[in-house]
Amino acid sequence: MLVCDRYLASSIAYGEAQGLDAAWLTDIQQYLPQPDITFLLDIDPNVSATRKTADRDKYERDLAALGRVRSNYTRQAATGAGWSLLDASRDREAVAADVWKIVAARL
């Protein structure tokens, strides 16, 4: 079974980008269910903007904020257990294959 969520890492990454303390954000979530694995599909905000050129929301249009969020995610991935960092600038089939390979190795 594969269950996806973004609440833990996302709230830290986006909260920290808005000026909140990452340690505090992490601490207040310590009693929530923890993921077994977190995939970070890493892509430069400028590259991601070329993939979706229409109907971008206010967060998707703020490339500076996305850059801060990306830095926060990569910091979490570098220091947290259970993270898999994948280069999402590659072809989506290659990224998907890597995800399935990692999941299959944990079964």
PDB file of N, CA and C in Angstrom:
ATOM      1  N   MET A   1       0.843  -1.164   0.000  1.00  0.00           N
ATOM      2  CA  MET A   1       0.000   0.000   0.000  1.00  0.00           C
ATOM      3  C   MET A   1       0.901   1.243   0.000  1.00  0.00           C
ATOM      4  N   LEU A   2       0.503   2.245  -0.738  1.00  0.00           N
ATOM      5  CA  LEU A   2       1.243   3.498  -0.803  1.00  0.00           C
ATOM      6  C   LEU A   2       0.296   4.616  -0.404  1.00  0.00           C
ATOM      7  N   VAL A   3       0.647   5.305   0.650  1.00  0.00           N
ATOM      8  CA  VAL A   3      -0.151   6.431   1.116  1.00  0.00           C
ATOM      9  C   VAL A   3       0.717   7.677   1.003  1.00  0.00           C
ATOM     10  N   CYS A   4       0.179   8.689   0.392  1.00  0.00           N
ATOM     11  CA  CYS A   4       0.947   9.915   0.179  1.00  0.00           C
ATOM     12  C   CYS A   4       0.399  11.043   1.036  1.00  0.00           C
ATOM     13  N   ASP A   5       1.284  11.848   1.553  1.00  0.00           N
ATOM     14  CA  ASP A   5       0.873  13.041   2.268  1.00  0.00           C
ATOM     15  C   ASP A   5       1.981  14.078   2.152  1.00  0.00           C
ATOM     16  N   ARG A   6       1.642  15.285   2.486  1.00  0.00           N
ATOM     17  CA  ARG A   6       2.636  16.348   2.465  1.00  0.00           C
ATOM     18  C   ARG A   6       2.650  17.137   3.759  1.00  0.00           C
ATOM     19  N   TYR A   7       1.854  16.774   4.734  1.00  0.00           N
ATOM     20  CA  TYR A   7       1.639  17.656   5.858  1.00  0.00           C
ATOM     21  C   TYR A   7       2.866  17.913   6.718  1.00  0.00           C
ATOM     22  N   LEU A   8       3.692  16.924   7.023  1.00  0.00           N
ATOM     23  CA  LEU A   8       4.835  17.157   7.904  1.00  0.00           C
ATOM     24  C   LEU A   8       5.920  17.988   7.232  1.00  0.00           C
ATOM     25  N   ALA A   9       6.507  17.451   6.199  1.00  0.00           N
ATOM     26  CA  ALA A   9       7.610  18.144   5.538  1.00  0.00           C
ATOM     27  C   ALA A   9       7.157  19.458   4.914  1.00  0.00           C
ATOM     28  N   SER A  10       5.956  19.457   4.364  1.00  0.00           N
ATOM     29  CA  SER A  10       5.449  20.652   3.706  1.00  0.00           C
ATOM     30  C   SER A  10       5.216  21.782   4.698  1.00  0.00           C
ATOM     31  N   SER A  11       4.626  21.458   5.840  1.00  0.00           N
ATOM     32  CA  SER A  11       4.374  22.531   6.803  1.00  0.00           C
ATOM     33  C   SER A  11       5.676  23.122   7.316  1.00  0.00           C
ATOM     34  N   ILE A  12       6.702  22.316   7.429  1.00  0.00           N
ATOM     35  CA  ILE A  12       8.006  22.836   7.850  1.00  0.00           C
ATOM     36  C   ILE A  12       8.622  23.682   6.739  1.00  0.00           C
ATOM     37  N   ALA A  13       8.635  23.158   5.523  1.00  0.00           N
ATOM     38  CA  ALA A  13       9.260  23.873   4.407  1.00  0.00           C
ATOM     39  C   ALA A  13       8.588  25.212   4.130  1.00  0.00           C
ATOM     40  N   TYR A  14       7.269  25.213   4.060  1.00  0.00           N
ATOM     41  CA  TYR A  14       6.548  26.453   3.760  1.00  0.00           C
ATOM     42  C   TYR A  14       6.511  27.386   4.964  1.00  0.00           C
ATOM     43  N   GLY A  15       6.362  26.832   6.182  1.00  0.00           N
ATOM     44  CA  GLY A  15       6.363  27.668   7.378  1.00  0.00           C
ATOM     45  C   GLY A  15       7.688  28.366   7.582  1.00  0.00           C
ATOM     46  N   GLU A  16       8.770  27.627   7.396  1.00  0.00           N
ATOM     47  CA  GLU A  16      10.101  28.213   7.535  1.00  0.00           C
ATOM     48  C   GLU A  16      10.322  29.283   6.466  1.00  0.00           C
ATOM     49  N   ALA A  17       9.823  29.063   5.265  1.00  0.00           N
ATOM     50  CA  ALA A  17       9.958  30.066   4.194  1.00  0.00           C
ATOM     51  C   ALA A  17       9.227  31.353   4.548  1.00  0.00           C
ATOM     52  N   GLN A  18       8.217  31.244   5.420  1.00  0.00           N
ATOM     53  CA  GLN A  18       7.462  32.420   5.867  1.00  0.00           C
ATOM     54  C   GLN A  18       8.050  33.017   7.144  1.00  0.00           C
ATOM     55  N   GLY A  19       9.182  32.471   7.618  1.00  0.00           N
ATOM     56  CA  GLY A  19       9.865  33.047   8.767  1.00  0.00           C
ATOM     57  C   GLY A  19       9.660  32.332  10.087  1.00  0.00           C
ATOM     58  N   LEU A  20       8.935  31.216  10.096  1.00  0.00           N
ATOM     59  CA  LEU A  20       8.747  30.460  11.329  1.00  0.00           C
ATOM     60  C   LEU A  20       9.979  29.606  11.608  1.00  0.00           C
ATOM     61  N   ASP A  21      10.176  29.266  12.863  1.00  0.00           N
ATOM     62  CA  ASP A  21      11.333  28.486  13.285  1.00  0.00           C
ATOM     63  C   ASP A  21      11.142  27.010  12.931  1.00  0.00           C
ATOM     64  N   ALA A  22      12.075  26.445  12.190  1.00  0.00           N
ATOM     65  CA  ALA A  22      11.972  25.050  11.741  1.00  0.00           C
ATOM     66  C   ALA A  22      11.966  24.088  12.918  1.00  0.00           C
ATOM     67  N   ALA A  23      12.751  24.354  13.947  1.00  0.00           N
ATOM     68  CA  ALA A  23      12.787  23.467  15.108  1.00  0.00           C
ATOM     69  C   ALA A  23      11.424  23.457  15.815  1.00  0.00           C
ATOM     70  N   TRP A  24      10.816  24.610  15.943  1.00  0.00           N
ATOM     71  CA  TRP A  24       9.497  24.696  16.562  1.00  0.00           C
ATOM     72  C   TRP A  24       8.464  23.954  15.728  1.00  0.00           C
ATOM     73  N   LEU A  25       8.494  24.161  14.414  1.00  0.00           N
ATOM     74  CA  LEU A  25       7.562  23.473  13.521  1.00  0.00           C
ATOM     75  C   LEU A  25       7.718  21.958  13.622  1.00  0.00           C
ATOM     76  N   THR A  26       8.945  21.500  13.706  1.00  0.00           N
ATOM     77  CA  THR A  26       9.216  20.070  13.839  1.00  0.00           C
ATOM     78  C   THR A  26       8.709  19.557  15.179  1.00  0.00           C
ATOM     79  N   ASP A  27       8.986  20.304  16.242  1.00  0.00           N
ATOM     80  CA  ASP A  27       8.605  19.888  17.584  1.00  0.00           C
ATOM     81  C   ASP A  27       7.094  19.754  17.743  1.00  0.00           C
ATOM     82  N   ILE A  28       6.332  20.684  17.194  1.00  0.00           N
ATOM     83  CA  ILE A  28       4.881  20.629  17.396  1.00  0.00           C
ATOM     84  C   ILE A  28       4.225  19.487  16.620  1.00  0.00           C
ATOM     85  N   GLN A  29       4.984  18.877  15.719  1.00  0.00           N
ATOM     86  CA  GLN A  29       4.440  17.773  14.921  1.00  0.00           C
ATOM     87  C   GLN A  29       4.954  16.405  15.360  1.00  0.00           C
ATOM     88  N   GLN A  30       5.696  16.354  16.443  1.00  0.00           N
ATOM     89  CA  GLN A  30       6.341  15.102  16.840  1.00  0.00           C
ATOM     90  C   GLN A  30       5.373  13.974  17.187  1.00  0.00           C
ATOM     91  N   TYR A  31       4.145  14.299  17.553  1.00  0.00           N
ATOM     92  CA  TYR A  31       3.182  13.266  17.927  1.00  0.00           C
ATOM     93  C   TYR A  31       2.261  12.864  16.778  1.00  0.00           C
ATOM     94  N   LEU A  32       2.425  13.490  15.641  1.00  0.00           N
ATOM     95  CA  LEU A  32       1.649  13.105  14.464  1.00  0.00           C
ATOM     96  C   LEU A  32       2.248  11.838  13.859  1.00  0.00           C
ATOM     97  N   PRO A  33       1.464  11.086  13.117  1.00  0.00           N
ATOM     98  CA  PRO A  33       2.028   9.897  12.447  1.00  0.00           C
ATOM     99  C   PRO A  33       3.192  10.310  11.539  1.00  0.00           C
ATOM    100  N   GLN A  34       4.276   9.577  11.655  1.00  0.00           N
ATOM    101  CA  GLN A  34       5.478   9.882  10.885  1.00  0.00           C
ATOM    102  C   GLN A  34       5.534   8.996   9.639  1.00  0.00           C
ATOM    103  N   PRO A  35       5.979   9.564   8.523  1.00  0.00           N
ATOM    104  CA  PRO A  35       6.058   8.758   7.296  1.00  0.00           C
ATOM    105  C   PRO A  35       7.195   7.746   7.363  1.00  0.00           C
ATOM    106  N   ASP A  36       7.014   6.642   6.666  1.00  0.00           N
ATOM    107  CA  ASP A  36       8.087   5.654   6.546  1.00  0.00           C
ATOM    108  C   ASP A  36       9.131   6.122   5.549  1.00  0.00           C
ATOM    109  N   ILE A  37       8.672   6.825   4.537  1.00  0.00           N
ATOM    110  CA  ILE A  37       9.573   7.333   3.507  1.00  0.00           C
ATOM    111  C   ILE A  37       8.983   8.620   2.937  1.00  0.00           C
ATOM    112  N   THR A  38       9.857   9.531   2.643  1.00  0.00           N
ATOM    113  CA  THR A  38       9.441  10.794   2.033  1.00  0.00           C
ATOM    114  C   THR A  38      10.250  10.983   0.757  1.00  0.00           C
ATOM    115  N   PHE A  39       9.562  11.186  -0.344  1.00  0.00           N
ATOM    116  CA  PHE A  39      10.218  11.462  -1.610  1.00  0.00           C
ATOM    117  C   PHE A  39      10.260  12.961  -1.824  1.00  0.00           C
ATOM    118  N   LEU A  40      11.434  13.478  -2.085  1.00  0.00           N
ATOM    119  CA  LEU A  40      11.571  14.876  -2.481  1.00  0.00           C
ATOM    120  C   LEU A  40      11.845  14.891  -3.980  1.00  0.00           C
ATOM    121  N   LEU A  41      10.840  15.321  -4.731  1.00  0.00           N
ATOM    122  CA  LEU A  41      10.986  15.443  -6.178  1.00  0.00           C
ATOM    123  C   LEU A  41      11.544  16.833  -6.421  1.00  0.00           C
ATOM    124  N   ASP A  42      12.853  16.922  -6.439  1.00  0.00           N
ATOM    125  CA  ASP A  42      13.567  18.197  -6.459  1.00  0.00           C
ATOM    126  C   ASP A  42      13.685  18.758  -7.872  1.00  0.00           C
ATOM    127  N   ILE A  43      13.284  20.027  -8.005  1.00  0.00           N
ATOM    128  CA  ILE A  43      13.382  20.714  -9.289  1.00  0.00           C
ATOM    129  C   ILE A  43      13.575  22.200  -9.035  1.00  0.00           C
ATOM    130  N   ASP A  44      14.401  22.816  -9.826  1.00  0.00           N
ATOM    131  CA  ASP A  44      14.616  24.252  -9.722  1.00  0.00           C
ATOM    132  C   ASP A  44      13.310  24.973 -10.036  1.00  0.00           C
ATOM    133  N   PRO A  45      12.941  25.983  -9.242  1.00  0.00           N
ATOM    134  CA  PRO A  45      11.690  26.703  -9.502  1.00  0.00           C
ATOM    135  C   PRO A  45      11.595  27.282 -10.914  1.00  0.00           C
ATOM    136  N   ASN A  46      12.702  27.720 -11.471  1.00  0.00           N
ATOM    137  CA  ASN A  46      12.676  28.258 -12.832  1.00  0.00           C
ATOM    138  C   ASN A  46      12.341  27.179 -13.857  1.00  0.00           C
ATOM    139  N   VAL A  47      12.833  25.980 -13.627  1.00  0.00           N
ATOM    140  CA  VAL A  47      12.529  24.866 -14.523  1.00  0.00           C
ATOM    141  C   VAL A  47      11.062  24.468 -14.371  1.00  0.00           C
ATOM    142  N   SER A  48      10.590  24.415 -13.134  1.00  0.00           N
ATOM    143  CA  SER A  48       9.196  24.034 -12.926  1.00  0.00           C
ATOM    144  C   SER A  48       8.245  25.053 -13.555  1.00  0.00           C
ATOM    145  N   ALA A  49       8.638  26.320 -13.555  1.00  0.00           N
ATOM    146  CA  ALA A  49       7.793  27.365 -14.158  1.00  0.00           C
ATOM    147  C   ALA A  49       7.653  27.179 -15.662  1.00  0.00           C
ATOM    148  N   THR A  50       8.644  26.574 -16.291  1.00  0.00           N
ATOM    149  CA  THR A  50       8.547  26.341 -17.735  1.00  0.00           C
ATOM    150  C   THR A  50       7.620  25.167 -18.043  1.00  0.00           C
ATOM    151  N   ARG A  51       7.391  24.315 -17.056  1.00  0.00           N
ATOM    152  CA  ARG A  51       6.518  23.159 -17.256  1.00  0.00           C
ATOM    153  C   ARG A  51       5.044  23.511 -17.101  1.00  0.00           C
ATOM    154  N   LYS A  52       4.774  24.499 -16.303  1.00  0.00           N
ATOM    155  CA  LYS A  52       3.387  24.927 -16.110  1.00  0.00           C
ATOM    156  C   LYS A  52       3.344  26.430 -16.334  1.00  0.00           C
ATOM    157  N   THR A  53       2.955  26.821 -17.507  1.00  0.00           N
ATOM    158  CA  THR A  53       3.000  28.234 -17.869  1.00  0.00           C
ATOM    159  C   THR A  53       1.665  28.942 -17.688  1.00  0.00           C
ATOM    160  N   ALA A  54       0.585  28.197 -17.520  1.00  0.00           N
ATOM    161  CA  ALA A  54      -0.744  28.805 -17.369  1.00  0.00           C
ATOM    162  C   ALA A  54      -1.372  28.363 -16.057  1.00  0.00           C
ATOM    163  N   ASP A  55      -2.273  29.185 -15.550  1.00  0.00           N
ATOM    164  CA  ASP A  55      -3.057  28.863 -14.358  1.00  0.00           C
ATOM    165  C   ASP A  55      -2.202  28.582 -13.124  1.00  0.00           C
ATOM    166  N   ARG A  56      -1.073  29.266 -12.991  1.00  0.00           N
ATOM    167  CA  ARG A  56      -0.255  29.100 -11.785  1.00  0.00           C
ATOM    168  C   ARG A  56      -0.846  29.947 -10.666  1.00  0.00           C
ATOM    169  N   ASP A  57      -0.957  29.353  -9.471  1.00  0.00           N
ATOM    170  CA  ASP A  57      -1.490  30.110  -8.342  1.00  0.00           C
ATOM    171  C   ASP A  57      -0.424  31.062  -7.801  1.00  0.00           C
ATOM    172  N   LYS A  58      -0.768  31.831  -6.776  1.00  0.00           N
ATOM    173  CA  LYS A  58       0.155  32.855  -6.275  1.00  0.00           C
ATOM    174  C   LYS A  58       1.443  32.241  -5.745  1.00  0.00           C
ATOM    175  N   TYR A  59       1.385  31.038  -5.193  1.00  0.00           N
ATOM    176  CA  TYR A  59       2.592  30.374  -4.705  1.00  0.00           C
ATOM    177  C   TYR A  59       3.480  29.922  -5.856  1.00  0.00           C
ATOM    178  N   GLU A  60       2.863  29.458  -6.912  1.00  0.00           N
ATOM    179  CA  GLU A  60       3.618  28.985  -8.076  1.00  0.00           C
ATOM    180  C   GLU A  60       4.251  30.131  -8.853  1.00  0.00           C
ATOM    181  N   ARG A  61       3.719  31.318  -8.711  1.00  0.00           N
ATOM    182  CA  ARG A  61       4.278  32.481  -9.416  1.00  0.00           C
ATOM    183  C   ARG A  61       5.421  33.135  -8.650  1.00  0.00           C
ATOM    184  N   ASP A  62       5.524  32.899  -7.358  1.00  0.00           N
ATOM    185  CA  ASP A  62       6.553  33.527  -6.518  1.00  0.00           C
ATOM    186  C   ASP A  62       7.802  32.643  -6.504  1.00  0.00           C
ATOM    187  N   LEU A  63       8.660  32.835  -7.498  1.00  0.00           N
ATOM    188  CA  LEU A  63       9.833  31.971  -7.655  1.00  0.00           C
ATOM    189  C   LEU A  63      10.825  32.142  -6.512  1.00  0.00           C
ATOM    190  N   ALA A  64      10.919  33.339  -5.949  1.00  0.00           N
ATOM    191  CA  ALA A  64      11.821  33.548  -4.812  1.00  0.00           C
ATOM    192  C   ALA A  64      11.356  32.729  -3.608  1.00  0.00           C
ATOM    193  N   ALA A  65      10.062  32.747  -3.344  1.00  0.00           N
ATOM    194  CA  ALA A  65       9.519  31.951  -2.234  1.00  0.00           C
ATOM    195  C   ALA A  65       9.705  30.463  -2.506  1.00  0.00           C
ATOM    196  N   LEU A  66       9.487  30.044  -3.749  1.00  0.00           N
ATOM    197  CA  LEU A  66       9.690  28.637  -4.094  1.00  0.00           C
ATOM    198  C   LEU A  66      11.148  28.234  -3.900  1.00  0.00           C
ATOM    199  N   GLY A  67      12.058  29.138  -4.170  1.00  0.00           N
ATOM    200  CA  GLY A  67      13.475  28.863  -3.938  1.00  0.00           C
ATOM    201  C   GLY A  67      13.762  28.642  -2.458  1.00  0.00           C
ATOM    202  N   ARG A  68      13.139  29.443  -1.587  1.00  0.00           N
ATOM    203  CA  ARG A  68      13.301  29.257  -0.139  1.00  0.00           C
ATOM    204  C   ARG A  68      12.695  27.927   0.304  1.00  0.00           C
ATOM    205  N   VAL A  69      11.520  27.625  -0.219  1.00  0.00           N
ATOM    206  CA  VAL A  69      10.864  26.356   0.120  1.00  0.00           C
ATOM    207  C   VAL A  69      11.736  25.186  -0.325  1.00  0.00           C
ATOM    208  N   ARG A  70      12.274  25.276  -1.521  1.00  0.00           N
ATOM    209  CA  ARG A  70      13.141  24.205  -2.019  1.00  0.00           C
ATOM    210  C   ARG A  70      14.344  24.011  -1.105  1.00  0.00           C
ATOM    211  N   SER A  71      14.957  25.102  -0.693  1.00  0.00           N
ATOM    212  CA  SER A  71      16.102  25.007   0.222  1.00  0.00           C
ATOM    213  C   SER A  71      15.705  24.340   1.530  1.00  0.00           C
ATOM    214  N   ASN A  72      14.520  24.661   2.026  1.00  0.00           N
ATOM    215  CA  ASN A  72      14.047  24.063   3.269  1.00  0.00           C
ATOM    216  C   ASN A  72      13.803  22.566   3.106  1.00  0.00           C
ATOM    217  N   TYR A  73      13.228  22.190   1.979  1.00  0.00           N
ATOM    218  CA  TYR A  73      13.025  20.764   1.716  1.00  0.00           C
ATOM    219  C   TYR A  73      14.368  20.035   1.606  1.00  0.00           C
ATOM    220  N   THR A  74      15.307  20.590   0.877  1.00  0.00           N
ATOM    221  CA  THR A  74      16.594  19.898   0.701  1.00  0.00           C
ATOM    222  C   THR A  74      17.349  19.806   2.021  1.00  0.00           C
ATOM    223  N   ARG A  75      17.200  20.810   2.889  1.00  0.00           N
ATOM    224  CA  ARG A  75      17.817  20.742   4.214  1.00  0.00           C
ATOM    225  C   ARG A  75      17.196  19.604   5.009  1.00  0.00           C
ATOM    226  N   GLN A  76      15.874  19.489   4.965  1.00  0.00           N
ATOM    227  CA  GLN A  76      15.206  18.386   5.669  1.00  0.00           C
ATOM    228  C   GLN A  76      15.663  17.036   5.122  1.00  0.00           C
ATOM    229  N   ALA A  77      15.744  16.939   3.816  1.00  0.00           N
ATOM    230  CA  ALA A  77      16.138  15.676   3.186  1.00  0.00           C
ATOM    231  C   ALA A  77      17.563  15.288   3.570  1.00  0.00           C
ATOM    232  N   ALA A  78      18.430  16.280   3.724  1.00  0.00           N
ATOM    233  CA  ALA A  78      19.827  16.006   4.064  1.00  0.00           C
ATOM    234  C   ALA A  78      19.998  15.572   5.517  1.00  0.00           C
ATOM    235  N   THR A  79      19.084  15.989   6.364  1.00  0.00           N
ATOM    236  CA  THR A  79      19.249  15.715   7.792  1.00  0.00           C
ATOM    237  C   THR A  79      18.252  14.700   8.333  1.00  0.00           C
ATOM    238  N   GLY A  80      17.248  14.359   7.563  1.00  0.00           N
ATOM    239  CA  GLY A  80      16.213  13.473   8.074  1.00  0.00           C
ATOM    240  C   GLY A  80      16.308  12.067   7.521  1.00  0.00           C
ATOM    241  N   ALA A  81      16.032  11.109   8.382  1.00  0.00           N
ATOM    242  CA  ALA A  81      16.009   9.712   7.942  1.00  0.00           C
ATOM    243  C   ALA A  81      14.740   9.462   7.145  1.00  0.00           C
ATOM    244  N   GLY A  82      14.818   8.527   6.226  1.00  0.00           N
ATOM    245  CA  GLY A  82      13.637   8.130   5.476  1.00  0.00           C
ATOM    246  C   GLY A  82      13.359   8.977   4.249  1.00  0.00           C
ATOM    247  N   TRP A  83      14.264   9.841   3.886  1.00  0.00           N
ATOM    248  CA  TRP A  83      14.072  10.689   2.711  1.00  0.00           C
ATOM    249  C   TRP A  83      14.750  10.075   1.498  1.00  0.00           C
ATOM    250  N   SER A  84      14.133  10.243   0.346  1.00  0.00           N
ATOM    251  CA  SER A  84      14.745   9.896  -0.936  1.00  0.00           C
ATOM    252  C   SER A  84      14.658  11.128  -1.822  1.00  0.00           C
ATOM    253  N   LEU A  85      15.798  11.637  -2.198  1.00  0.00           N
ATOM    254  CA  LEU A  85      15.893  12.837  -3.043  1.00  0.00           C
ATOM    255  C   LEU A  85      16.025  12.407  -4.494  1.00  0.00           C
ATOM    256  N   LEU A  86      15.086  12.866  -5.324  1.00  0.00           N
ATOM    257  CA  LEU A  86      15.084  12.505  -6.739  1.00  0.00           C
ATOM    258  C   LEU A  86      15.120  13.767  -7.591  1.00  0.00           C
ATOM    259  N   ASP A  87      15.881  13.716  -8.654  1.00  0.00           N
ATOM    260  CA  ASP A  87      15.974  14.832  -9.593  1.00  0.00           C
ATOM    261  C   ASP A  87      14.724  14.849 -10.465  1.00  0.00           C
ATOM    262  N   ALA A  88      13.822  15.779 -10.171  1.00  0.00           N
ATOM    263  CA  ALA A  88      12.543  15.847 -10.885  1.00  0.00           C
ATOM    264  C   ALA A  88      12.622  16.646 -12.174  1.00  0.00           C
ATOM    265  N   SER A  89      13.796  17.120 -12.525  1.00  0.00           N
ATOM    266  CA  SER A  89      13.925  17.804 -13.815  1.00  0.00           C
ATOM    267  C   SER A  89      14.031  16.787 -14.954  1.00  0.00           C
ATOM    268  N   ARG A  90      14.188  15.526 -14.595  1.00  0.00           N
ATOM    269  CA  ARG A  90      14.271  14.461 -15.594  1.00  0.00           C
ATOM    270  C   ARG A  90      12.889  14.124 -16.124  1.00  0.00           C
ATOM    271  N   ASP A  91      12.859  13.279 -17.104  1.00  0.00           N
ATOM    272  CA  ASP A  91      11.620  12.768 -17.683  1.00  0.00           C
ATOM    273  C   ASP A  91      10.785  12.116 -16.590  1.00  0.00           C
ATOM    274  N   ARG A  92       9.467  12.338 -16.604  1.00  0.00           N
ATOM    275  CA  ARG A  92       8.621  11.828 -15.518  1.00  0.00           C
ATOM    276  C   ARG A  92       8.610  10.313 -15.434  1.00  0.00           C
ATOM    277  N   GLU A  93       8.788   9.619 -16.544  1.00  0.00           N
ATOM    278  CA  GLU A  93       8.843   8.162 -16.496  1.00  0.00           C
ATOM    279  C   GLU A  93      10.076   7.695 -15.725  1.00  0.00           C
ATOM    280  N   ALA A  94      11.184   8.394 -15.880  1.00  0.00           N
ATOM    281  CA  ALA A  94      12.408   8.052 -15.146  1.00  0.00           C
ATOM    282  C   ALA A  94      12.227   8.300 -13.651  1.00  0.00           C
ATOM    283  N   VAL A  95      11.583   9.389 -13.305  1.00  0.00           N
ATOM    284  CA  VAL A  95      11.325   9.699 -11.893  1.00  0.00           C
ATOM    285  C   VAL A  95      10.390   8.644 -11.301  1.00  0.00           C
ATOM    286  N   ALA A  96       9.328   8.319 -12.016  1.00  0.00           N
ATOM    287  CA  ALA A  96       8.379   7.310 -11.537  1.00  0.00           C
ATOM    288  C   ALA A  96       9.063   5.961 -11.353  1.00  0.00           C
ATOM    289  N   ALA A  97       9.930   5.594 -12.275  1.00  0.00           N
ATOM    290  CA  ALA A  97      10.647   4.322 -12.158  1.00  0.00           C
ATOM    291  C   ALA A  97      11.509   4.302 -10.900  1.00  0.00           C
ATOM    292  N   ASP A  98      12.161   5.418 -10.596  1.00  0.00           N
ATOM    293  CA  ASP A  98      12.975   5.497  -9.386  1.00  0.00           C
ATOM    294  C   ASP A  98      12.117   5.370  -8.131  1.00  0.00           C
ATOM    295  N   VAL A  99      10.951   6.013  -8.129  1.00  0.00           N
ATOM    296  CA  VAL A  99      10.050   5.924  -6.976  1.00  0.00           C
ATOM    297  C   VAL A  99       9.646   4.467  -6.757  1.00  0.00           C
ATOM    298  N   TRP A 100       9.209   3.807  -7.809  1.00  0.00           N
ATOM    299  CA  TRP A 100       8.771   2.410  -7.667  1.00  0.00           C
ATOM    300  C   TRP A 100       9.913   1.496  -7.242  1.00  0.00           C
ATOM    301  N   LYS A 101      11.117   1.769  -7.731  1.00  0.00           N
ATOM    302  CA  LYS A 101      12.274   0.958  -7.346  1.00  0.00           C
ATOM    303  C   LYS A 101      12.540   1.079  -5.835  1.00  0.00           C
ATOM    304  N   ILE A 102      12.442   2.299  -5.307  1.00  0.00           N
ATOM    305  CA  ILE A 102      12.666   2.531  -3.882  1.00  0.00           C
ATOM    306  C   ILE A 102      11.567   1.890  -3.051  1.00  0.00           C
ATOM    307  N   VAL A 103      10.316   2.041  -3.494  1.00  0.00           N
ATOM    308  CA  VAL A 103       9.191   1.434  -2.781  1.00  0.00           C
ATOM    309  C   VAL A 103       9.323  -0.091  -2.781  1.00  0.00           C
ATOM    310  N   ALA A 104       9.626  -0.666  -3.942  1.00  0.00           N
ATOM    311  CA  ALA A 104       9.749  -2.119  -4.044  1.00  0.00           C
ATOM    312  C   ALA A 104      10.851  -2.662  -3.136  1.00  0.00           C
ATOM    313  N   ALA A 105      11.913  -1.904  -2.979  1.00  0.00           N
ATOM    314  CA  ALA A 105      13.005  -2.350  -2.118  1.00  0.00           C
ATOM    315  C   ALA A 105      12.610  -2.393  -0.651  1.00  0.00           C
ATOM    316  N   ARG A 106      11.558  -1.671  -0.300  1.00  0.00           N
ATOM    317  CA  ARG A 106      11.094  -1.633   1.103  1.00  0.00           C
ATOM    318  C   ARG A 106       9.996  -2.645   1.383  1.00  0.00           C
ATOM    319  N   LEU A 107       9.513  -3.337   0.346  1.00  0.00           N
ATOM    320  CA  LEU A 107       8.430  -4.322   0.553  1.00  0.00           C
ATOM    321  C   LEU A 107       8.955  -5.620   1.142  1.00  0.00           C
TER     322      LEU A 107
END
